[in-house]
Amino acid sequence: MFEKLGTAAKHIQSIYPTTPKVGIVLGSGLGAFIDSISDPTIIPYSEIPFFRNTTVEGHEGRLILGKIDNVEVAVLQGRLHGYEGLPMDEVVFPVRVLATLGIESLILTNAAGGINTSFIPGDLVVIEDHINMLGTNPLVGPNISELGPRFPDMTRAYNVDLKNILRDSADELKINIKSGIYCALLGPTYETPAEIKMLRAIGADMVGMSTVPESIAANHLGLKVCGVSCITNMAAGINDEKLTHDDVKIQALKVMELFSTLLSKAITKMNQID
């Protein structure tokens, strides 16, 4: 694994030799954020050694390198998921490659179902913490000591300074940003109303099928991590509506401008912290 990461990183560096400072993972329907990147260099996943291509609509499967307001960024336009039949080490491989390239901070984004009934579709939510109900963990198996410790601490899985930057940026932009606990389930089915009742009882505010493996892998690597969920629908049983992936993408597009503006401002601020 360690050798594969080096090989992938060297290939990327041969195309774009500058070291990125901030990494971003874009969730379902949020890929248009790349329009905010100046002088972008685009590399399809299929051209990067050991990368798997994406199979889910709304996940383009491209690495974009460039700048946001003079901050070097590396953006994963589309992610991999466990429900695609992939082992966890392949799901988190792209994030580990970003770390190998030299990023210091990682912004994880996703489209999520709202469990908290004070949320509405279109809300942007800072991820305070997460609940892992995937039934697995990307660190299962022999520990790769070059990447991190056997038992990484997850007490502050989402960096306090980065969360504050997201909130401050939202305040400056007059965005009514929320905060909440994200819960990850394996999927690919959407949850049942009974499952949503259970998740609410254990403290989840939103639910999805991603993000948590990448957060765990990034914390293992010692990266500063933060996350933003876009509430694209209310979870099963709340509004008694049928859930579809097309609706998720449509709602994500509706908040694309706000989402892109928020991330751009936050990235500029992240460049100013140690």
C-alpha atoms as a PDB file:
ATOM      1  CA  MET A   1       0.000   0.000   0.000  1.00  0.00           C
ATOM      2  CA  PHE A   2       2.687   2.505   0.994  1.00  0.00           C
ATOM      3  CA  GLU A   3       4.521   1.877  -2.281  1.00  0.00           C
ATOM      4  CA  LYS A   4       1.297   2.276  -4.301  1.00  0.00           C
ATOM      5  CA  LEU A   5       0.658   5.650  -2.677  1.00  0.00           C
ATOM      6  CA  GLY A   6       4.135   6.801  -3.642  1.00  0.00           C
ATOM      7  CA  THR A   7       3.697   5.644  -7.222  1.00  0.00           C
ATOM      8  CA  ALA A   8       0.347   7.447  -7.601  1.00  0.00           C
ATOM      9  CA  ALA A   9       1.715  10.631  -6.030  1.00  0.00           C
ATOM     10  CA  LYS A  10       4.803  10.646  -8.250  1.00  0.00           C
ATOM     11  CA  HIS A  11       2.639  10.337 -11.356  1.00  0.00           C
ATOM     12  CA  ILE A  12       0.515  13.306 -10.258  1.00  0.00           C
ATOM     13  CA  GLN A  13       3.615  15.352  -9.385  1.00  0.00           C
ATOM     14  CA  SER A  14       5.034  14.669 -12.849  1.00  0.00           C
ATOM     15  CA  ILE A  15       1.985  16.465 -14.268  1.00  0.00           C
ATOM     16  CA  TYR A  16       1.515  19.123 -11.570  1.00  0.00           C
ATOM     17  CA  PRO A  17       4.660  19.543  -9.447  1.00  0.00           C
ATOM     18  CA  THR A  18       3.292  22.107  -6.937  1.00  0.00           C
ATOM     19  CA  THR A  19       2.423  20.910  -3.409  1.00  0.00           C
ATOM     20  CA  PRO A  20      -1.271  21.434  -2.532  1.00  0.00           C
ATOM     21  CA  LYS A  21      -2.144  22.801   0.906  1.00  0.00           C
ATOM     22  CA  VAL A  22      -5.870  21.976   1.083  1.00  0.00           C
ATOM     23  CA  GLY A  23      -7.640  18.872  -0.184  1.00  0.00           C
ATOM     24  CA  ILE A  24     -11.367  18.758  -0.950  1.00  0.00           C
ATOM     25  CA  VAL A  25     -13.623  15.760  -1.577  1.00  0.00           C
ATOM     26  CA  LEU A  26     -16.800  16.647  -3.470  1.00  0.00           C
ATOM     27  CA  GLY A  27     -19.987  14.686  -2.788  1.00  0.00           C
ATOM     28  CA  SER A  28     -22.973  13.849  -5.002  1.00  0.00           C
ATOM     29  CA  GLY A  29     -24.022  16.717  -7.230  1.00  0.00           C
ATOM     30  CA  LEU A  30     -21.419  19.106  -5.802  1.00  0.00           C
ATOM     31  CA  GLY A  31     -18.831  18.716  -8.549  1.00  0.00           C
ATOM     32  CA  ALA A  32     -19.501  22.155 -10.077  1.00  0.00           C
ATOM     33  CA  PHE A  33     -17.320  23.642  -7.326  1.00  0.00           C
ATOM     34  CA  ILE A  34     -14.367  23.047  -9.649  1.00  0.00           C
ATOM     35  CA  ASP A  35     -15.488  26.096 -11.650  1.00  0.00           C
ATOM     36  CA  SER A  36     -14.061  28.153  -8.762  1.00  0.00           C
ATOM     37  CA  ILE A  37     -10.541  26.832  -9.356  1.00  0.00           C
ATOM     38  CA  SER A  38      -8.152  29.023 -11.330  1.00  0.00           C
ATOM     39  CA  ASP A  39      -5.698  27.499 -13.826  1.00  0.00           C
ATOM     40  CA  PRO A  40      -6.998  23.966 -13.233  1.00  0.00           C
ATOM     41  CA  THR A  41      -5.073  20.853 -14.190  1.00  0.00           C
ATOM     42  CA  ILE A  42      -7.490  17.928 -14.629  1.00  0.00           C
ATOM     43  CA  ILE A  43      -6.410  14.299 -14.308  1.00  0.00           C
ATOM     44  CA  PRO A  44      -9.028  11.530 -14.745  1.00  0.00           C
ATOM     45  CA  TYR A  45      -8.849   8.854 -12.067  1.00  0.00           C
ATOM     46  CA  SER A  46      -8.421   6.299 -14.838  1.00  0.00           C
ATOM     47  CA  GLU A  47      -5.006   7.830 -15.627  1.00  0.00           C
ATOM     48  CA  ILE A  48      -3.663   7.719 -12.049  1.00  0.00           C
ATOM     49  CA  PRO A  49      -1.938   4.469 -11.008  1.00  0.00           C
ATOM     50  CA  PHE A  50      -4.016   2.357  -8.595  1.00  0.00           C
ATOM     51  CA  PHE A  51      -7.013   4.730  -8.614  1.00  0.00           C
ATOM     52  CA  ARG A  52     -10.382   3.075  -9.170  1.00  0.00           C
ATOM     53  CA  ASN A  53     -12.846   4.836 -11.443  1.00  0.00           C
ATOM     54  CA  THR A  54     -16.133   6.089 -10.028  1.00  0.00           C
ATOM     55  CA  THR A  55     -19.361   4.312 -10.974  1.00  0.00           C
ATOM     56  CA  VAL A  56     -21.997   6.554  -9.389  1.00  0.00           C
ATOM     57  CA  GLU A  57     -23.776   9.288 -11.347  1.00  0.00           C
ATOM     58  CA  GLY A  58     -22.839  12.711  -9.988  1.00  0.00           C
ATOM     59  CA  HIS A  59     -19.268  11.619  -9.203  1.00  0.00           C
ATOM     60  CA  GLU A  60     -17.128  12.563 -12.209  1.00  0.00           C
ATOM     61  CA  GLY A  61     -13.974  10.710 -11.167  1.00  0.00           C
ATOM     62  CA  ARG A  62     -11.343  13.423 -11.725  1.00  0.00           C
ATOM     63  CA  LEU A  63      -8.544  14.999  -9.708  1.00  0.00           C
ATOM     64  CA  ILE A  64      -8.358  18.760 -10.207  1.00  0.00           C
ATOM     65  CA  LEU A  65      -5.280  20.698  -9.121  1.00  0.00           C
ATOM     66  CA  GLY A  66      -5.078  24.473  -9.110  1.00  0.00           C
ATOM     67  CA  LYS A  67      -5.673  27.514  -6.937  1.00  0.00           C
ATOM     68  CA  ILE A  68      -8.446  29.105  -4.912  1.00  0.00           C
ATOM     69  CA  ASP A  69      -7.379  32.713  -4.261  1.00  0.00           C
ATOM     70  CA  ASN A  70      -3.686  31.730  -4.526  1.00  0.00           C
ATOM     71  CA  VAL A  71      -4.115  28.709  -2.215  1.00  0.00           C
ATOM     72  CA  GLU A  72      -2.944  25.491  -3.868  1.00  0.00           C
ATOM     73  CA  VAL A  73      -5.744  22.912  -3.730  1.00  0.00           C
ATOM     74  CA  ALA A  74      -6.271  19.309  -4.776  1.00  0.00           C
ATOM     75  CA  VAL A  75      -9.911  18.436  -5.422  1.00  0.00           C
ATOM     76  CA  LEU A  76     -11.377  14.945  -5.750  1.00  0.00           C
ATOM     77  CA  GLN A  77     -14.374  15.457  -8.028  1.00  0.00           C
ATOM     78  CA  GLY A  78     -16.240  12.343  -7.031  1.00  0.00           C
ATOM     79  CA  ARG A  79     -15.550   9.656  -4.453  1.00  0.00           C
ATOM     80  CA  LEU A  80     -15.683   5.915  -4.080  1.00  0.00           C
ATOM     81  CA  HIS A  81     -18.111   4.108  -1.771  1.00  0.00           C
ATOM     82  CA  GLY A  82     -18.231   0.811   0.031  1.00  0.00           C
ATOM     83  CA  TYR A  83     -21.593   0.001  -1.571  1.00  0.00           C
ATOM     84  CA  GLU A  84     -19.858  -0.153  -4.947  1.00  0.00           C
ATOM     85  CA  GLY A  85     -18.326  -3.409  -3.711  1.00  0.00           C
ATOM     86  CA  LEU A  86     -14.938  -1.906  -2.900  1.00  0.00           C
ATOM     87  CA  PRO A  87     -12.799  -2.681   0.149  1.00  0.00           C
ATOM     88  CA  MET A  88     -12.260   0.250   2.485  1.00  0.00           C
ATOM     89  CA  ASP A  89      -8.567   0.637   1.609  1.00  0.00           C
ATOM     90  CA  GLU A  90      -9.593   1.410  -1.987  1.00  0.00           C
ATOM     91  CA  VAL A  91     -12.339   3.816  -0.858  1.00  0.00           C
ATOM     92  CA  VAL A  92      -9.803   5.914   1.086  1.00  0.00           C
ATOM     93  CA  PHE A  93      -6.881   5.485  -1.331  1.00  0.00           C
ATOM     94  CA  PRO A  94      -7.457   8.880  -3.057  1.00  0.00           C
ATOM     95  CA  VAL A  95      -7.440  10.743   0.280  1.00  0.00           C
ATOM     96  CA  ARG A  96      -4.237   8.977   1.275  1.00  0.00           C
ATOM     97  CA  VAL A  97      -2.709  10.051  -2.025  1.00  0.00           C
ATOM     98  CA  LEU A  98      -3.644  13.682  -1.304  1.00  0.00           C
ATOM     99  CA  ALA A  99      -1.837  13.353   2.020  1.00  0.00           C
ATOM    100  CA  THR A 100       1.172  11.894   0.235  1.00  0.00           C
ATOM    101  CA  LEU A 101       1.129  14.930  -2.072  1.00  0.00           C
ATOM    102  CA  GLY A 102       1.442  17.139   1.010  1.00  0.00           C
ATOM    103  CA  ILE A 103      -1.979  18.538   1.934  1.00  0.00           C
ATOM    104  CA  GLU A 104      -2.329  19.814   5.504  1.00  0.00           C
ATOM    105  CA  SER A 105      -6.125  20.204   5.702  1.00  0.00           C
ATOM    106  CA  LEU A 106      -8.976  18.178   4.217  1.00  0.00           C
ATOM    107  CA  ILE A 107     -12.534  19.363   3.555  1.00  0.00           C
ATOM    108  CA  LEU A 108     -15.038  16.527   3.185  1.00  0.00           C
ATOM    109  CA  THR A 109     -18.388  17.311   1.566  1.00  0.00           C
ATOM    110  CA  ASN A 110     -21.469  15.217   0.981  1.00  0.00           C
ATOM    111  CA  ALA A 111     -25.128  15.212   0.097  1.00  0.00           C
ATOM    112  CA  ALA A 112     -27.087  14.014   3.121  1.00  0.00           C
ATOM    113  CA  GLY A 113     -30.588  13.252   4.284  1.00  0.00           C
ATOM    114  CA  GLY A 114     -31.865  15.449   7.085  1.00  0.00           C
ATOM    115  CA  ILE A 115     -32.856  13.642  10.283  1.00  0.00           C
ATOM    116  CA  ASN A 116     -33.008  16.737  12.472  1.00  0.00           C
ATOM    117  CA  THR A 117     -36.458  18.175  11.784  1.00  0.00           C
ATOM    118  CA  SER A 118     -35.155  21.739  12.139  1.00  0.00           C
ATOM    119  CA  PHE A 119     -33.222  21.180   8.898  1.00  0.00           C
ATOM    120  CA  ILE A 120     -34.712  21.792   5.457  1.00  0.00           C
ATOM    121  CA  PRO A 121     -33.477  20.750   2.003  1.00  0.00           C
ATOM    122  CA  GLY A 122     -30.843  23.235   0.880  1.00  0.00           C
ATOM    123  CA  ASP A 123     -29.312  23.714   4.328  1.00  0.00           C
ATOM    124  CA  LEU A 124     -25.532  23.584   4.641  1.00  0.00           C
ATOM    125  CA  VAL A 125     -24.374  21.876   7.839  1.00  0.00           C
ATOM    126  CA  VAL A 126     -20.942  21.867   9.504  1.00  0.00           C
ATOM    127  CA  ILE A 127     -20.146  18.309  10.593  1.00  0.00           C
ATOM    128  CA  GLU A 128     -19.508  18.402  14.341  1.00  0.00           C
ATOM    129  CA  ASP A 129     -18.794  14.698  14.700  1.00  0.00           C
ATOM    130  CA  HIS A 130     -19.803  11.409  13.150  1.00  0.00           C
ATOM    131  CA  ILE A 131     -21.292   8.010  13.934  1.00  0.00           C
ATOM    132  CA  ASN A 132     -19.848   5.059  12.036  1.00  0.00           C
ATOM    133  CA  MET A 133     -22.545   2.498  11.238  1.00  0.00           C
ATOM    134  CA  LEU A 134     -20.867   1.123   8.127  1.00  0.00           C
ATOM    135  CA  GLY A 135     -19.937  -2.060   9.951  1.00  0.00           C
ATOM    136  CA  THR A 136     -16.302  -1.640   8.985  1.00  0.00           C
ATOM    137  CA  ASN A 137     -13.325   0.708   9.272  1.00  0.00           C
ATOM    138  CA  PRO A 138     -10.589   1.605   6.747  1.00  0.00           C
ATOM    139  CA  LEU A 139      -7.897   0.821   9.349  1.00  0.00           C
ATOM    140  CA  VAL A 140      -8.920  -2.826   9.777  1.00  0.00           C
ATOM    141  CA  GLY A 141      -5.964  -5.103   9.026  1.00  0.00           C
ATOM    142  CA  PRO A 142      -2.224  -4.657   9.541  1.00  0.00           C
ATOM    143  CA  ASN A 143      -1.352  -1.088  10.500  1.00  0.00           C
ATOM    144  CA  ILE A 144       0.777   0.855   8.024  1.00  0.00           C
ATOM    145  CA  SER A 145       3.080   2.566  10.509  1.00  0.00           C
ATOM    146  CA  GLU A 146       4.348   5.009   7.860  1.00  0.00           C
ATOM    147  CA  LEU A 147       0.821   6.439   7.696  1.00  0.00           C
ATOM    148  CA  GLY A 148      -0.087   6.619  11.368  1.00  0.00           C
ATOM    149  CA  PRO A 149      -0.504   4.867  14.737  1.00  0.00           C
ATOM    150  CA  ARG A 150      -2.303   1.585  15.345  1.00  0.00           C
ATOM    151  CA  PHE A 151      -4.944   3.238  17.547  1.00  0.00           C
ATOM    152  CA  PRO A 152      -5.580   6.821  16.383  1.00  0.00           C
ATOM    153  CA  ASP A 153      -7.576   9.142  18.644  1.00  0.00           C
ATOM    154  CA  MET A 154     -10.902  10.309  17.184  1.00  0.00           C
ATOM    155  CA  THR A 155     -11.926  12.626  20.035  1.00  0.00           C
ATOM    156  CA  ARG A 156     -11.543  15.638  17.734  1.00  0.00           C
ATOM    157  CA  ALA A 157     -12.066  13.991  14.382  1.00  0.00           C
ATOM    158  CA  TYR A 158     -13.267  17.338  12.997  1.00  0.00           C
ATOM    159  CA  ASN A 159     -10.748  20.073  13.735  1.00  0.00           C
ATOM    160  CA  VAL A 160     -12.071  22.870  15.961  1.00  0.00           C
ATOM    161  CA  ASP A 161     -10.174  25.634  14.129  1.00  0.00           C
ATOM    162  CA  LEU A 162     -11.444  24.494  10.731  1.00  0.00           C
ATOM    163  CA  LYS A 163     -15.033  24.232  11.979  1.00  0.00           C
ATOM    164  CA  ASN A 164     -14.780  27.771  13.307  1.00  0.00           C
ATOM    165  CA  ILE A 165     -13.418  28.942   9.968  1.00  0.00           C
ATOM    166  CA  LEU A 166     -16.440  27.434   8.211  1.00  0.00           C
ATOM    167  CA  ARG A 167     -18.811  29.176  10.621  1.00  0.00           C
ATOM    168  CA  ASP A 168     -16.987  32.509  10.434  1.00  0.00           C
ATOM    169  CA  SER A 169     -16.992  32.328   6.640  1.00  0.00           C
ATOM    170  CA  ALA A 170     -20.721  31.584   6.631  1.00  0.00           C
ATOM    171  CA  ASP A 171     -21.380  34.530   8.966  1.00  0.00           C
ATOM    172  CA  GLU A 172     -19.446  36.892   6.696  1.00  0.00           C
ATOM    173  CA  LEU A 173     -21.432  35.647   3.710  1.00  0.00           C
ATOM    174  CA  LYS A 174     -24.711  35.821   5.665  1.00  0.00           C
ATOM    175  CA  ILE A 175     -25.288  32.084   5.164  1.00  0.00           C
ATOM    176  CA  ASN A 176     -27.441  30.498   7.860  1.00  0.00           C
ATOM    177  CA  ILE A 177     -25.203  27.480   8.351  1.00  0.00           C
ATOM    178  CA  LYS A 178     -26.245  24.704  10.747  1.00  0.00           C
ATOM    179  CA  SER A 179     -24.232  22.175  12.767  1.00  0.00           C
ATOM    180  CA  GLY A 180     -24.874  18.479  13.266  1.00  0.00           C
ATOM    181  CA  ILE A 181     -23.761  14.886  13.724  1.00  0.00           C
ATOM    182  CA  TYR A 182     -23.333  12.876  10.508  1.00  0.00           C
ATOM    183  CA  CYS A 183     -24.092   9.161  10.479  1.00  0.00           C
ATOM    184  CA  ALA A 184     -22.754   6.867   7.752  1.00  0.00           C
ATOM    185  CA  LEU A 185     -24.549   3.680   6.684  1.00  0.00           C
ATOM    186  CA  LEU A 186     -23.323   1.325   3.988  1.00  0.00           C
ATOM    187  CA  GLY A 187     -26.200   1.677   1.490  1.00  0.00           C
ATOM    188  CA  PRO A 188     -26.957   1.595  -1.382  1.00  0.00           C
ATOM    189  CA  THR A 189     -30.563   1.494  -0.170  1.00  0.00           C
ATOM    190  CA  TYR A 190     -31.926   4.587   1.488  1.00  0.00           C
ATOM    191  CA  GLU A 191     -32.854   4.046   5.125  1.00  0.00           C
ATOM    192  CA  THR A 192     -36.249   2.873   6.327  1.00  0.00           C
ATOM    193  CA  PRO A 193     -38.373   5.168   8.518  1.00  0.00           C
ATOM    194  CA  ALA A 194     -37.702   2.823  11.447  1.00  0.00           C
ATOM    195  CA  GLU A 195     -33.959   3.140  10.905  1.00  0.00           C
ATOM    196  CA  ILE A 196     -34.250   6.922  10.829  1.00  0.00           C
ATOM    197  CA  LYS A 197     -36.091   6.862  14.169  1.00  0.00           C
ATOM    198  CA  MET A 198     -33.240   4.773  15.582  1.00  0.00           C
ATOM    199  CA  LEU A 199     -30.583   7.143  14.198  1.00  0.00           C
ATOM    200  CA  ARG A 200     -32.371  10.149  15.678  1.00  0.00           C
ATOM    201  CA  ALA A 201     -32.501   8.379  19.043  1.00  0.00           C
ATOM    202  CA  ILE A 202     -28.723   7.871  19.054  1.00  0.00           C
ATOM    203  CA  GLY A 203     -28.018  11.508  18.191  1.00  0.00           C
ATOM    204  CA  ALA A 204     -27.664  11.684  14.385  1.00  0.00           C
ATOM    205  CA  ASP A 205     -28.749  14.884  12.619  1.00  0.00           C
ATOM    206  CA  MET A 206     -28.066  13.770   9.030  1.00  0.00           C
ATOM    207  CA  VAL A 207     -27.336  10.511   7.264  1.00  0.00           C
ATOM    208  CA  GLY A 208     -25.389   9.412   4.201  1.00  0.00           C
ATOM    209  CA  MET A 209     -23.207   6.689   2.721  1.00  0.00           C
ATOM    210  CA  SER A 210     -19.750   8.273   2.704  1.00  0.00           C
ATOM    211  CA  THR A 211     -17.339  10.670   4.456  1.00  0.00           C
ATOM    212  CA  VAL A 212     -16.656   8.631   7.602  1.00  0.00           C
ATOM    213  CA  PRO A 213     -14.022   6.307   6.050  1.00  0.00           C
ATOM    214  CA  GLU A 214     -12.168   9.315   4.617  1.00  0.00           C
ATOM    215  CA  SER A 215     -12.343  11.131   7.946  1.00  0.00           C
ATOM    216  CA  ILE A 216     -10.899   8.123   9.769  1.00  0.00           C
ATOM    217  CA  ALA A 217      -8.097   7.667   7.229  1.00  0.00           C
ATOM    218  CA  ALA A 218      -7.266  11.390   7.284  1.00  0.00           C
ATOM    219  CA  ASN A 219      -7.133  11.496  11.084  1.00  0.00           C
ATOM    220  CA  HIS A 220      -4.872   8.435  11.018  1.00  0.00           C
ATOM    221  CA  LEU A 221      -2.574  10.449   8.752  1.00  0.00           C
ATOM    222  CA  GLY A 222      -2.592  13.438  11.104  1.00  0.00           C
ATOM    223  CA  LEU A 223      -4.487  15.771   8.758  1.00  0.00           C
ATOM    224  CA  LYS A 224      -6.764  18.561   9.939  1.00  0.00           C
ATOM    225  CA  VAL A 225     -10.274  17.574   8.889  1.00  0.00           C
ATOM    226  CA  CYS A 226     -13.577  19.395   8.552  1.00  0.00           C
ATOM    227  CA  GLY A 227     -16.794  18.581   6.756  1.00  0.00           C
ATOM    228  CA  VAL A 228     -19.892  20.156   5.215  1.00  0.00           C
ATOM    229  CA  SER A 229     -23.132  18.325   4.461  1.00  0.00           C
ATOM    230  CA  CYS A 230     -25.662  19.635   1.972  1.00  0.00           C
ATOM    231  CA  ILE A 231     -29.135  18.566   3.083  1.00  0.00           C
ATOM    232  CA  THR A 232     -30.702  17.439  -0.182  1.00  0.00           C
ATOM    233  CA  ASN A 233     -33.803  15.755   1.235  1.00  0.00           C
ATOM    234  CA  MET A 234     -35.456  14.913   4.513  1.00  0.00           C
ATOM    235  CA  ALA A 235     -34.756  11.349   5.577  1.00  0.00           C
ATOM    236  CA  ALA A 236     -37.250   8.515   5.135  1.00  0.00           C
ATOM    237  CA  GLY A 237     -40.541   8.822   6.958  1.00  0.00           C
ATOM    238  CA  ILE A 238     -40.287  12.520   7.834  1.00  0.00           C
ATOM    239  CA  ASN A 239     -42.170  13.952   4.852  1.00  0.00           C
ATOM    240  CA  ASP A 240     -43.507  10.635   3.532  1.00  0.00           C
ATOM    241  CA  GLU A 241     -41.855  11.259   0.159  1.00  0.00           C
ATOM    242  CA  LYS A 242     -40.159   8.724  -2.091  1.00  0.00           C
ATOM    243  CA  LEU A 243     -36.377   9.282  -2.220  1.00  0.00           C
ATOM    244  CA  THR A 244     -34.428   9.262  -5.494  1.00  0.00           C
ATOM    245  CA  HIS A 245     -30.823   9.996  -6.438  1.00  0.00           C
ATOM    246  CA  ASP A 246     -32.016  12.410  -9.124  1.00  0.00           C
ATOM    247  CA  ASP A 247     -33.711  14.562  -6.480  1.00  0.00           C
ATOM    248  CA  VAL A 248     -30.475  14.578  -4.462  1.00  0.00           C
ATOM    249  CA  LYS A 249     -28.524  15.924  -7.438  1.00  0.00           C
ATOM    250  CA  ILE A 250     -31.168  18.545  -8.270  1.00  0.00           C
ATOM    251  CA  GLN A 251     -31.201  19.923  -4.725  1.00  0.00           C
ATOM    252  CA  ALA A 252     -27.384  19.978  -4.599  1.00  0.00           C
ATOM    253  CA  LEU A 253     -27.320  22.068  -7.766  1.00  0.00           C
ATOM    254  CA  LYS A 254     -29.738  24.577  -6.219  1.00  0.00           C
ATOM    255  CA  VAL A 255     -27.261  25.444  -3.454  1.00  0.00           C
ATOM    256  CA  MET A 256     -24.163  25.175  -5.630  1.00  0.00           C
ATOM    257  CA  GLU A 257     -23.424  28.901  -5.696  1.00  0.00           C
ATOM    258  CA  LEU A 258     -23.668  29.287  -1.910  1.00  0.00           C
ATOM    259  CA  PHE A 259     -21.673  26.104  -1.378  1.00  0.00           C
ATOM    260  CA  SER A 260     -18.889  27.198  -3.721  1.00  0.00           C
ATOM    261  CA  THR A 261     -18.686  30.683  -2.216  1.00  0.00           C
ATOM    262  CA  LEU A 262     -18.518  29.271   1.311  1.00  0.00           C
ATOM    263  CA  LEU A 263     -15.755  26.792   0.478  1.00  0.00           C
ATOM    264  CA  SER A 264     -13.722  29.381  -1.402  1.00  0.00           C
ATOM    265  CA  LYS A 265     -13.808  31.851   1.498  1.00  0.00           C
ATOM    266  CA  ALA A 266     -13.014  29.108   4.033  1.00  0.00           C
ATOM    267  CA  ILE A 267     -10.059  27.844   1.997  1.00  0.00           C
ATOM    268  CA  THR A 268      -8.591  31.363   1.891  1.00  0.00           C
ATOM    269  CA  LYS A 269      -8.850  31.557   5.688  1.00  0.00           C
ATOM    270  CA  MET A 270      -7.339  28.088   6.143  1.00  0.00           C
ATOM    271  CA  ASN A 271      -4.239  29.304   4.377  1.00  0.00           C
ATOM    272  CA  GLN A 272      -3.711  31.741   7.240  1.00  0.00           C
ATOM    273  CA  ILE A 273      -3.565  29.194  10.086  1.00  0.00           C
ATOM    274  CA  ASP A 274      -0.498  27.239  11.212  1.00  0.00           C
END
